[in-house]
Amino acid sequence: MCYAFPPYLPPPFLPAVSFLRPSFKNKFLRKACTVVATGFGLGFSPVAPGTVGSLLGCLIVWGFTAAELPVWAQVAACAAMALLCIPIASVAEADLGFRKDPGQIVCDEYLTFPICMIGLLGEWREHVWLMPLCFLVARALDIWKPQPARRLQILPAGLGITIDDFVTSCEALAVDWGLFLLLTKYAGI
C-alpha cells in the first residue's frame, strides 16, 4: 500500500489516521459540524473566505480578554480549540465532498487565531493597534505558509486542515511579540 505522506512520518503513524475520517450517520451532527467549520456561513464569502472567517477569531480573543484569562488558561483554551477543530474540519470536509481543504472551511482560521495573541490579551486594550497588527501578521503568514506549515498540509482530513494553521499561528505569535516589544520599547507607540 502506498501512502502520500512526507517521509519523516514513521510508518506506525499511518494506520492511526483512520479516526480522522469520522462518518456521522446523524445528518444533524454532520450539518452542525459543517456550520461551525464554515464559520457560520462566513466561509462562503465570495472574496477572501479565510480572511472573512478569521474575523470570528477576533471575537474569541475579545471574549478571552473580557474573561481576563491568565496565560496558562489562554494556552489551554487555544490547545483545546485547535484539537476540537480537527474532527469538526474532518466531518465538514466529508460533508462538502471530500475535496482536500476546501476554502469554505474556516474553523482552522478562527479557532487558531487566538494563539497569535497569547500573553498579549491585556495589552491590546491599551494599544489599540495591536489586534489589527496581529490579525494582519496571522493572515500574511497563513497565506504565505512558511515551512514547515506548507509541508504539513498534506496530512489527511482535519489534521491537515488544522495543523498548518496551528503552526503558522505559533510563528505569528513569535512575530507579534517581537513587533510589540520593538514598537513599544523603541518606537514608544
Protein backbone atom coordinates (compact mmCIF):
# COMPACT_ATOMS: atom_id res chain seq x y z
CA MET A 1 0.00 0.00 0.00
CA CYS A 2 1.38 3.40 -0.96
CA TYR A 3 0.82 6.46 1.20
CA ALA A 4 1.34 10.03 0.04
CA PHE A 5 2.83 11.18 3.32
CA PRO A 6 6.04 13.03 3.98
CA PRO A 7 8.99 10.71 4.51
CA TYR A 8 9.61 11.97 8.05
CA LEU A 9 6.41 10.37 9.39
CA PRO A 10 7.10 6.90 10.78
CA PRO A 11 5.08 4.03 9.29
CA PRO A 12 3.27 3.22 12.58
CA PHE A 13 1.58 6.64 12.36
CA LEU A 14 -0.10 5.89 9.05
CA PRO A 15 -2.76 3.34 10.13
CA ALA A 16 -3.67 5.53 13.13
CA VAL A 17 -5.16 8.29 10.96
CA SER A 18 -8.36 6.41 10.13
CA PHE A 19 -10.12 8.12 13.05
CA LEU A 20 -9.74 11.41 11.16
CA ARG A 21 -12.49 10.44 8.73
CA PRO A 22 -15.48 10.05 11.04
CA SER A 23 -18.74 9.14 9.39
CA PHE A 24 -21.78 10.54 11.12
CA LYS A 25 -24.99 8.84 10.15
CA ASN A 26 -26.79 11.59 12.05
CA LYS A 27 -27.43 14.31 9.48
CA PHE A 28 -27.94 16.96 12.18
CA LEU A 29 -24.45 16.37 13.65
CA ARG A 30 -22.87 16.44 10.19
CA LYS A 31 -24.58 19.70 9.31
CA ALA A 32 -23.79 21.22 12.73
CA CYS A 33 -20.09 20.43 12.21
CA THR A 34 -20.26 21.93 8.73
CA VAL A 35 -21.92 25.11 10.02
CA VAL A 36 -19.23 25.54 12.69
CA ALA A 37 -16.45 24.66 10.23
CA THR A 38 -17.66 27.22 7.71
CA GLY A 39 -17.66 29.93 10.34
CA PHE A 40 -21.45 30.04 10.49
CA GLY A 41 -21.51 30.83 6.79
CA LEU A 42 -18.58 33.26 6.62
CA GLY A 43 -16.55 30.64 4.75
CA PHE A 44 -18.90 31.00 1.79
CA SER A 45 -17.77 34.60 1.27
CA PRO A 46 -17.02 35.13 -2.45
CA VAL A 47 -13.93 37.19 -1.61
CA ALA A 48 -11.17 36.01 0.77
CA PRO A 49 -13.23 33.49 2.76
CA GLY A 50 -10.28 32.67 5.03
CA THR A 51 -9.79 36.29 5.98
CA VAL A 52 -13.50 36.90 6.47
CA GLY A 53 -13.81 33.74 8.55
CA SER A 54 -10.79 34.72 10.63
CA LEU A 55 -12.73 37.69 11.96
CA LEU A 56 -14.52 35.27 14.30
CA GLY A 57 -11.13 34.73 15.93
CA CYS A 58 -11.13 38.40 16.93
CA LEU A 59 -14.39 37.81 18.79
CA ILE A 60 -12.84 34.84 20.60
CA VAL A 61 -9.85 37.00 21.60
CA TRP A 62 -12.25 39.69 22.82
CA GLY A 63 -14.01 37.04 24.92
CA PHE A 64 -10.70 35.82 26.36
CA THR A 65 -9.82 39.42 27.22
CA ALA A 66 -13.19 40.07 28.85
CA ALA A 67 -12.71 36.91 30.93
CA GLU A 68 -9.21 38.12 31.89
CA LEU A 69 -7.74 34.68 31.33
CA PRO A 70 -4.24 34.10 32.74
CA VAL A 71 -1.60 32.95 30.26
CA TRP A 72 -1.86 29.29 31.28
CA ALA A 73 -5.61 29.36 30.64
CA GLN A 74 -5.05 31.05 27.27
CA VAL A 75 -2.65 28.26 26.28
CA ALA A 76 -5.07 25.57 27.49
CA ALA A 77 -8.05 27.15 25.68
CA CYS A 78 -6.06 27.55 22.45
CA ALA A 79 -4.87 23.93 22.59
CA ALA A 80 -8.43 22.73 23.22
CA MET A 81 -9.82 24.77 20.31
CA ALA A 82 -7.10 23.52 17.94
CA LEU A 83 -7.79 19.91 18.94
CA LEU A 84 -11.55 20.42 18.60
CA CYS A 85 -11.02 21.86 15.14
CA ILE A 86 -9.59 18.57 13.80
CA PRO A 87 -12.75 16.41 13.96
CA ILE A 88 -15.00 19.34 13.05
CA ALA A 89 -12.95 20.03 9.91
CA SER A 90 -12.83 16.30 9.08
CA VAL A 91 -16.60 15.95 9.19
CA ALA A 92 -17.11 19.18 7.22
CA GLU A 93 -14.59 18.11 4.57
CA ALA A 94 -16.54 14.88 4.09
CA ASP A 95 -19.86 16.74 4.06
CA LEU A 96 -18.54 19.19 1.45
CA GLY A 97 -17.45 16.40 -0.90
CA PHE A 98 -14.02 15.21 0.31
CA ARG A 99 -12.06 17.91 -1.54
CA LYS A 100 -8.74 18.47 0.20
CA ASP A 101 -9.02 21.52 2.49
CA PRO A 102 -11.98 23.26 0.84
CA GLY A 103 -11.84 27.05 1.10
CA GLN A 104 -15.22 27.16 2.82
CA ILE A 105 -13.77 25.51 5.92
CA VAL A 106 -12.53 28.39 8.06
CA CYS A 107 -12.68 26.92 11.58
CA ASP A 108 -8.94 26.35 11.30
CA GLU A 109 -8.52 30.10 10.76
CA TYR A 110 -10.70 31.41 13.56
CA LEU A 111 -10.03 28.71 16.17
CA THR A 112 -6.25 29.11 15.85
CA PHE A 113 -6.14 32.93 15.64
CA PRO A 114 -6.17 33.35 19.46
CA ILE A 115 -2.81 31.53 19.54
CA CYS A 116 -1.30 34.62 17.87
CA MET A 117 -2.23 36.73 20.88
CA ILE A 118 -1.26 34.51 23.81
CA GLY A 119 0.09 36.79 26.51
CA LEU A 120 -0.95 39.93 24.63
CA LEU A 121 -4.62 39.94 25.62
CA GLY A 122 -4.33 42.65 28.27
CA GLU A 123 -2.06 44.75 26.07
CA TRP A 124 -4.45 45.38 23.20
CA ARG A 125 -6.81 47.39 25.41
CA GLU A 126 -4.10 49.98 25.88
CA HIS A 127 -2.51 49.56 22.44
CA VAL A 128 -5.50 49.54 20.07
CA TRP A 129 -3.25 48.90 17.07
CA LEU A 130 -2.15 45.52 18.47
CA MET A 131 -5.10 43.30 17.46
CA PRO A 132 -5.22 44.60 13.85
CA LEU A 133 -1.45 44.12 13.63
CA CYS A 134 -1.71 40.55 14.96
CA PHE A 135 -4.56 39.86 12.56
CA LEU A 136 -2.55 41.09 9.56
CA VAL A 137 0.53 39.11 10.60
CA ALA A 138 -1.54 35.95 11.09
CA ARG A 139 -3.25 36.31 7.72
CA ALA A 140 0.02 37.07 5.91
CA LEU A 141 1.71 34.01 7.39
CA ASP A 142 -1.34 31.83 6.72
CA ILE A 143 -1.37 32.87 3.07
CA TRP A 144 2.42 32.57 2.70
CA LYS A 145 2.62 29.32 4.72
CA PRO A 146 6.32 29.23 5.60
CA GLN A 147 7.82 25.81 6.25
CA PRO A 148 7.02 23.51 7.99
CA ALA A 149 3.36 24.56 7.70
CA ARG A 150 3.19 24.10 3.93
CA ARG A 151 4.54 20.58 4.14
CA LEU A 152 2.15 19.62 6.96
CA GLN A 153 -0.90 20.45 4.82
CA ILE A 154 -0.67 17.07 3.12
CA LEU A 155 -1.71 15.25 6.28
CA PRO A 156 -5.20 13.76 5.94
CA ALA A 157 -8.56 15.36 6.64
CA GLY A 158 -8.98 17.73 9.60
CA LEU A 159 -5.43 17.16 10.82
CA GLY A 160 -4.00 18.54 7.57
CA ILE A 161 -6.54 21.35 7.54
CA THR A 162 -5.75 22.41 11.11
CA ILE A 163 -2.07 21.73 11.70
CA ASP A 164 -0.75 24.20 9.12
CA ASP A 165 -2.78 26.99 10.72
CA PHE A 166 -1.66 25.91 14.18
CA VAL A 167 1.99 26.11 13.11
CA THR A 168 1.58 29.46 11.32
CA SER A 169 -0.25 30.84 14.36
CA CYS A 170 2.68 29.82 16.56
CA GLU A 171 5.03 31.54 14.12
CA ALA A 172 2.76 34.59 14.12
CA LEU A 173 2.85 34.63 17.92
CA ALA A 174 6.64 34.99 17.82
CA VAL A 175 6.43 37.75 15.19
CA ASP A 176 3.65 39.54 17.09
CA TRP A 177 5.61 39.54 20.34
CA GLY A 178 8.71 40.78 18.52
CA LEU A 179 6.80 43.60 16.85
CA PHE A 180 5.02 44.51 20.08
CA LEU A 181 8.27 44.74 22.04
CA LEU A 182 10.00 46.62 19.23
CA LEU A 183 7.19 49.13 18.75
CA THR A 184 6.54 49.77 22.44
CA LYS A 185 10.16 49.89 23.57
CA TYR A 186 11.87 51.67 20.69
CA ALA A 187 9.10 53.48 18.86
CA GLY A 188 7.22 54.44 22.02
CA ILE A 189 3.85 53.61 20.48
